[in-house]
Amino acid sequence: MWAKVGWPDALKCRLVRLNALYAVVAALPFCFAQAQQVSVCCGHLYSFPDFPSRYVQSRSVWVWVPEQYNPKNKHAVIYMHDGQMLFDSTQTWNRREWRVDETASKLIAERQVPPFIVVGIANAAVKRYSEYFPTKALSYLPKAHRDTGMLRMVGKPLADDYLKFLVFELKPFIDSAFSVWPDARHTFLLGSSMGGLISLYGVLEYPNVFGGAACLSTHWIGGFVPDTLVISSLQHYVADHLPPPGRIRLYFDYGTETLDRFYEPYQIAIDRIGQQAGYTSAQWLTRRFPGDEHSEVSWSRRLSIPLQFLLKTP
């Protein structure tokens, strides 16, 4: 089905209850340029270009709902980063996509998971690294390395502001405009590579808002080759901020080809932190995929696994 534009009729009555900020969003003259004509083959897609924020630059947001979406029922929500890569390969820079609508629709139709919605959040292009690298992990770096090394890559750290955008602006809008469960048990983050890092960061910083995260091909190494100081800073951050078992669920995976070939020893170290903290296999799952590379092709093939892990009944 082709992408929908503007506000769905079933939601108009809900919009009047939004606060002043979201009333501004509702009043925006949504102009759908060619780059925004994202299509899906399953379910329905609502596009919100230039979603405003006080914390980060405006960006496109896409909300996918399944065919089974019923405004009378509540739905879980998965917030996915790099939103422009999720649904339509004809609109992506590399002509690849996650095939989110196909995979989610199949799982729902087969009753592997209950109906849920996906919120795709576009990355900020050149600011992607700044928004996705966990800001608080920088404090674990030696000052010289932080000032002369990482800050040259990160620039101004923006991950905390990006999370404020999700928690205090985007999520309240989704909770008001769509029929969803607002609690952490039904609200999740999912991303790959740097998107895996910000997904983990989000659930560790806001465990009362997000009940779990799926981190595919998590980019533990800092750059294109392993940076031992950055790797150590991320490990120390996770060890110091991991909530007690029972509050969140975490999924990790990695392949063995291209950039993913670096990840295994560092993922094992992170898994050890979870084990030492007392996480069980029901709360923490890590999968290795021999032959998979660092690309949407590989992530789309295994997307059903983290979706089922996050959405299963606790």
Protein backbone atom coordinates (compact mmCIF):
# COMPACT_ATOMS: atom_id res chain seq x y z
CA MET A 1 0.00 0.00 0.00
CA TRP A 2 1.28 3.47 -0.84
CA ALA A 3 2.41 5.76 1.92
CA LYS A 4 -0.22 7.94 3.49
CA VAL A 5 0.39 11.63 3.99
CA GLY A 6 -0.88 14.06 6.58
CA TRP A 7 -2.94 13.06 9.59
CA PRO A 8 -5.10 9.90 9.55
CA ASP A 9 -8.77 10.73 10.10
CA ALA A 10 -8.96 8.42 13.09
CA LEU A 11 -6.38 10.53 14.89
CA LYS A 12 -7.83 14.01 14.40
CA CYS A 13 -9.94 13.87 17.54
CA ARG A 14 -6.85 13.02 19.57
CA LEU A 15 -4.80 15.95 18.33
CA VAL A 16 -6.92 18.55 20.12
CA ARG A 17 -5.62 17.17 23.41
CA LEU A 18 -1.97 17.84 22.58
CA ASN A 19 -0.15 20.58 24.47
CA ALA A 20 1.03 23.77 22.82
CA LEU A 21 4.17 22.23 21.34
CA TYR A 22 2.30 19.45 19.62
CA ALA A 23 -0.44 21.79 18.51
CA VAL A 24 2.29 23.57 16.59
CA VAL A 25 3.25 20.23 15.05
CA ALA A 26 -0.36 19.60 14.02
CA ALA A 27 -0.59 23.02 12.42
CA LEU A 28 2.52 22.66 10.29
CA PRO A 29 1.92 22.74 6.52
CA PHE A 30 3.36 19.30 5.85
CA CYS A 31 4.94 19.49 2.41
CA PHE A 32 5.92 16.16 1.00
CA ALA A 33 8.94 16.61 -1.22
CA GLN A 34 10.02 13.79 -3.51
CA ALA A 35 12.54 12.57 -0.94
CA GLN A 36 9.68 12.04 1.52
CA GLN A 37 7.57 9.83 -0.76
CA VAL A 38 8.39 6.68 1.15
CA SER A 39 6.15 3.73 0.31
CA VAL A 40 5.38 0.47 2.07
CA CYS A 41 3.91 -2.73 0.72
CA CYS A 42 2.29 -3.82 3.99
CA GLY A 43 0.37 -1.79 6.55
CA HIS A 44 0.15 2.00 6.45
CA LEU A 45 2.81 4.67 6.74
CA TYR A 46 2.28 8.20 8.05
CA SER A 47 5.00 10.73 7.23
CA PHE A 48 5.82 13.80 9.30
CA PRO A 49 8.61 15.82 7.67
CA ASP A 50 10.46 18.47 9.64
CA PHE A 51 9.21 17.32 13.01
CA PRO A 52 10.20 20.24 15.27
CA SER A 53 12.31 20.05 18.40
CA ARG A 54 13.76 22.35 21.02
CA TYR A 55 16.69 19.98 21.50
CA VAL A 56 17.88 18.85 18.05
CA GLN A 57 17.43 19.91 14.44
CA SER A 58 14.09 19.04 12.88
CA ARG A 59 13.86 15.82 10.91
CA SER A 60 11.46 13.44 9.24
CA VAL A 61 9.54 10.93 11.32
CA TRP A 62 7.61 7.99 9.87
CA VAL A 63 4.99 6.03 11.78
CA TRP A 64 4.16 2.57 10.48
CA VAL A 65 0.98 0.83 11.62
CA PRO A 66 -0.04 -2.70 10.63
CA GLU A 67 -3.18 -3.65 8.76
CA GLN A 68 -4.49 -4.93 12.09
CA TYR A 69 -4.12 -1.53 13.77
CA ASN A 70 -7.27 -0.79 15.74
CA PRO A 71 -7.62 2.57 17.53
CA LYS A 72 -9.78 0.82 20.13
CA ASN A 73 -6.83 -1.35 21.18
CA LYS A 74 -3.46 -0.41 22.65
CA HIS A 75 -0.22 -1.23 20.84
CA ALA A 76 3.44 -1.56 21.75
CA VAL A 77 5.85 0.88 20.09
CA ILE A 78 9.34 0.32 18.71
CA TYR A 79 11.37 3.45 18.03
CA MET A 80 13.94 2.83 15.30
CA HIS A 81 16.88 5.07 14.40
CA ASP A 82 18.14 5.79 10.85
CA GLY A 83 14.49 5.94 9.88
CA GLN A 84 15.11 6.76 6.22
CA MET A 85 16.59 3.26 5.77
CA LEU A 86 13.66 1.24 7.11
CA PHE A 87 10.89 0.96 4.54
CA ASP A 88 11.64 1.86 0.93
CA SER A 89 14.88 1.02 -0.89
CA THR A 90 13.95 3.32 -3.78
CA GLN A 91 14.45 6.26 -1.43
CA THR A 92 17.68 5.19 0.33
CA TRP A 93 21.21 6.25 -0.56
CA ASN A 94 22.40 2.66 -1.15
CA ARG A 95 19.13 1.21 -2.48
CA ARG A 96 18.85 -1.08 0.53
CA GLU A 97 16.28 -1.19 3.32
CA TRP A 98 15.43 -3.01 6.55
CA ARG A 99 12.12 -4.36 5.13
CA VAL A 100 10.46 -3.43 8.41
CA ASP A 101 6.91 -3.46 7.06
CA GLU A 102 7.31 -6.90 5.44
CA THR A 103 8.90 -8.51 8.49
CA ALA A 104 6.57 -6.94 11.05
CA SER A 105 3.49 -7.80 9.01
CA LYS A 106 4.56 -11.42 8.66
CA LEU A 107 5.19 -11.79 12.40
CA ILE A 108 1.83 -10.25 13.24
CA ALA A 109 -0.05 -12.33 10.66
CA GLU A 110 1.54 -15.49 12.04
CA ARG A 111 0.71 -14.39 15.59
CA GLN A 112 4.34 -14.52 16.60
CA VAL A 113 3.86 -11.06 18.14
CA PRO A 114 0.83 -8.87 18.86
CA PRO A 115 0.13 -5.93 16.54
CA PHE A 116 2.59 -3.07 17.19
CA ILE A 117 3.69 0.15 15.56
CA VAL A 118 7.12 1.35 14.46
CA VAL A 119 8.33 4.93 14.70
CA GLY A 120 11.21 5.59 12.31
CA ILE A 121 13.34 8.62 13.17
CA ALA A 122 15.59 10.02 10.45
CA ASN A 123 19.23 10.51 11.34
CA ALA A 124 20.76 13.97 11.09
CA ALA A 125 23.28 13.11 8.36
CA VAL A 126 26.59 14.76 9.32
CA LYS A 127 25.47 14.96 12.95
CA ARG A 128 24.64 11.25 13.14
CA TYR A 129 27.81 10.33 15.03
CA SER A 130 27.33 13.27 17.42
CA GLU A 131 23.75 12.24 18.19
CA TYR A 132 24.36 8.51 18.46
CA PHE A 133 27.61 8.25 20.47
CA PRO A 134 26.78 7.96 24.23
CA THR A 135 27.77 11.32 25.71
CA LYS A 136 28.43 10.05 29.23
CA ALA A 137 30.90 7.45 27.94
CA LEU A 138 33.17 10.33 26.92
CA SER A 139 33.80 11.10 30.59
CA TYR A 140 35.57 7.73 30.95
CA LEU A 141 38.18 8.67 28.37
CA PRO A 142 41.53 10.20 29.33
CA LYS A 143 41.23 13.95 28.84
CA ALA A 144 43.89 14.09 26.16
CA HIS A 145 42.21 11.39 24.09
CA ARG A 146 38.80 12.92 24.61
CA ASP A 147 39.89 16.41 23.58
CA THR A 148 42.17 15.55 20.67
CA GLY A 149 40.70 12.26 19.46
CA MET A 150 37.03 11.58 20.07
CA LEU A 151 35.78 15.15 20.09
CA ARG A 152 37.19 15.59 16.62
CA MET A 153 34.96 12.71 15.52
CA VAL A 154 31.97 13.49 17.72
CA GLY A 155 32.11 17.27 17.54
CA LYS A 156 29.62 18.71 19.99
CA PRO A 157 28.16 15.71 21.90
CA LEU A 158 24.44 15.59 21.11
CA ALA A 159 23.26 12.17 22.33
CA ASP A 160 21.72 13.53 25.53
CA ASP A 161 19.81 16.15 23.52
CA TYR A 162 18.69 13.49 21.03
CA LEU A 163 17.31 11.37 23.87
CA LYS A 164 15.49 14.40 25.29
CA PHE A 165 13.89 14.83 21.88
CA LEU A 166 12.70 11.21 21.97
CA VAL A 167 11.53 11.22 25.59
CA PHE A 168 10.06 14.70 26.02
CA GLU A 169 8.84 15.57 22.53
CA LEU A 170 8.42 12.66 20.14
CA LYS A 171 7.13 10.03 22.56
CA PRO A 172 4.44 12.28 24.10
CA PHE A 173 3.27 13.09 20.58
CA ILE A 174 3.08 9.40 19.62
CA ASP A 175 1.33 8.56 22.89
CA SER A 176 -1.31 11.22 22.19
CA ALA A 177 -1.81 10.72 18.46
CA PHE A 178 -1.80 6.91 18.26
CA SER A 179 -3.41 4.19 20.33
CA VAL A 180 -0.37 2.86 22.19
CA TRP A 181 0.64 1.66 25.61
CA PRO A 182 2.72 4.53 27.09
CA ASP A 183 4.52 2.48 29.73
CA ALA A 184 8.09 1.18 29.54
CA ARG A 185 7.00 -2.46 29.27
CA HIS A 186 5.61 -1.71 25.81
CA THR A 187 8.14 0.87 24.57
CA PHE A 188 11.43 -0.13 22.94
CA LEU A 189 14.43 1.13 20.99
CA LEU A 190 16.07 -0.57 18.03
CA GLY A 191 19.02 0.31 15.82
CA SER A 192 22.19 -0.93 14.19
CA SER A 193 25.83 0.11 14.31
CA MET A 194 25.88 3.59 15.91
CA GLY A 195 22.11 3.14 16.14
CA GLY A 196 22.84 0.17 18.38
CA LEU A 197 24.88 2.37 20.68
CA ILE A 198 22.20 5.04 21.01
CA SER A 199 19.54 2.36 21.57
CA LEU A 200 21.56 0.96 24.47
CA TYR A 201 22.29 4.46 25.77
CA GLY A 202 18.60 5.35 25.67
CA VAL A 203 17.45 2.38 27.70
CA LEU A 204 20.25 2.77 30.26
CA GLU A 205 19.57 6.49 30.69
CA TYR A 206 15.76 6.15 30.71
CA PRO A 207 14.82 2.66 31.98
CA ASN A 208 11.51 4.06 33.23
CA VAL A 209 10.63 5.12 29.67
CA PHE A 210 12.07 2.30 27.54
CA GLY A 211 11.69 -1.30 28.63
CA GLY A 212 14.24 -2.77 26.26
CA ALA A 213 16.56 -2.23 23.34
CA ALA A 214 17.75 -4.24 20.35
CA CYS A 215 21.30 -3.38 19.31
CA LEU A 216 22.32 -4.97 16.01
CA SER A 217 25.98 -4.88 14.97
CA THR A 218 26.70 -2.50 17.82
CA HIS A 219 29.63 -0.24 16.93
CA TRP A 220 31.79 -0.79 20.00
CA ILE A 221 35.08 0.13 18.31
CA GLY A 222 34.77 3.91 18.00
CA GLY A 223 35.87 4.32 14.38
CA PHE A 224 36.70 2.15 11.39
CA VAL A 225 39.34 0.27 13.39
CA PRO A 226 39.24 -0.64 17.10
CA ASP A 227 40.12 2.19 19.48
CA THR A 228 40.95 0.49 22.78
CA LEU A 229 40.34 3.62 24.87
CA VAL A 230 36.90 4.18 23.35
CA ILE A 231 36.03 0.50 23.76
CA SER A 232 37.07 0.64 27.42
CA SER A 233 35.05 3.82 28.00
CA LEU A 234 31.90 2.20 26.63
CA GLN A 235 32.42 -0.91 28.74
CA HIS A 236 32.91 1.14 31.90
CA TYR A 237 29.84 3.22 31.14
CA VAL A 238 27.68 0.10 30.67
CA ALA A 239 29.01 -1.50 33.86
CA ASP A 240 28.26 1.63 35.89
CA HIS A 241 24.79 2.34 34.45
CA LEU A 242 23.24 -1.09 33.84
CA PRO A 243 19.93 -1.31 35.75
CA PRO A 244 19.30 -4.28 38.05
CA PRO A 245 17.99 -7.39 36.29
CA GLY A 246 14.26 -7.42 35.71
CA ARG A 247 13.83 -3.81 34.63
CA ILE A 248 14.88 -4.01 30.97
CA ARG A 249 15.55 -6.50 28.19
CA LEU A 250 18.59 -6.27 25.92
CA TYR A 251 19.27 -7.91 22.58
CA PHE A 252 22.66 -7.81 20.82
CA ASP A 253 24.00 -9.44 17.69
CA TYR A 254 26.85 -9.25 15.20
CA GLY A 255 28.06 -10.77 11.96
CA THR A 256 31.53 -11.88 10.95
CA GLU A 257 32.16 -9.95 7.72
CA THR A 258 33.10 -6.37 6.77
CA LEU A 259 32.93 -3.99 9.75
CA ASP A 260 31.17 -6.60 11.88
CA ARG A 261 34.31 -8.74 11.92
CA PHE A 262 35.76 -6.49 14.65
CA TYR A 263 32.88 -6.75 17.10
CA GLU A 264 32.96 -10.24 18.63
CA PRO A 265 35.56 -9.84 21.43
CA TYR A 266 34.02 -6.56 22.57
CA GLN A 267 30.48 -7.93 22.50
CA ILE A 268 31.67 -10.87 24.59
CA ALA A 269 33.10 -8.40 27.13
CA ILE A 270 29.77 -6.55 27.28
CA ASP A 271 27.92 -9.86 27.68
CA ARG A 272 30.18 -10.68 30.62
CA ILE A 273 29.09 -7.45 32.30
CA GLY A 274 25.47 -8.51 31.95
CA GLN A 275 26.19 -11.98 33.29
CA GLN A 276 28.03 -10.59 36.30
CA ALA A 277 25.08 -8.28 36.96
CA GLY A 278 22.76 -11.30 37.08
CA TYR A 279 20.90 -10.98 33.77
CA THR A 280 19.31 -14.20 32.53
CA SER A 281 18.86 -15.41 28.96
CA ALA A 282 15.26 -14.20 29.10
CA GLN A 283 16.52 -10.67 29.81
CA TRP A 284 19.68 -10.58 27.71
CA LEU A 285 20.17 -12.31 24.37
CA THR A 286 23.24 -12.14 22.12
CA ARG A 287 23.40 -13.86 18.74
CA ARG A 288 26.31 -14.41 16.35
CA PHE A 289 25.57 -14.67 12.60
CA PRO A 290 28.45 -16.17 10.61
CA GLY A 291 28.73 -14.69 7.15
CA ASP A 292 26.59 -11.63 7.87
CA GLU A 293 28.01 -8.24 6.95
CA HIS A 294 27.49 -4.69 8.15
CA SER A 295 24.50 -3.78 5.99
CA GLU A 296 20.75 -3.46 5.80
CA VAL A 297 20.68 -6.73 3.84
CA SER A 298 21.99 -8.65 6.85
CA TRP A 299 19.96 -6.71 9.41
CA SER A 300 16.73 -7.26 7.48
CA ARG A 301 17.34 -11.02 7.35
CA ARG A 302 17.51 -11.28 11.14
CA LEU A 303 15.13 -8.48 12.20
CA SER A 304 12.42 -10.95 13.21
CA ILE A 305 14.59 -12.26 16.06
CA PRO A 306 14.96 -9.01 18.05
CA LEU A 307 11.34 -8.09 17.33
CA GLN A 308 10.13 -11.32 18.88
CA PHE A 309 12.54 -10.96 21.79
CA LEU A 310 11.33 -7.46 22.66
CA LEU A 311 7.63 -8.02 22.05
CA LYS A 312 7.17 -11.36 23.74
CA THR A 313 4.98 -11.38 26.83
CA PRO A 314 7.19 -10.97 29.91
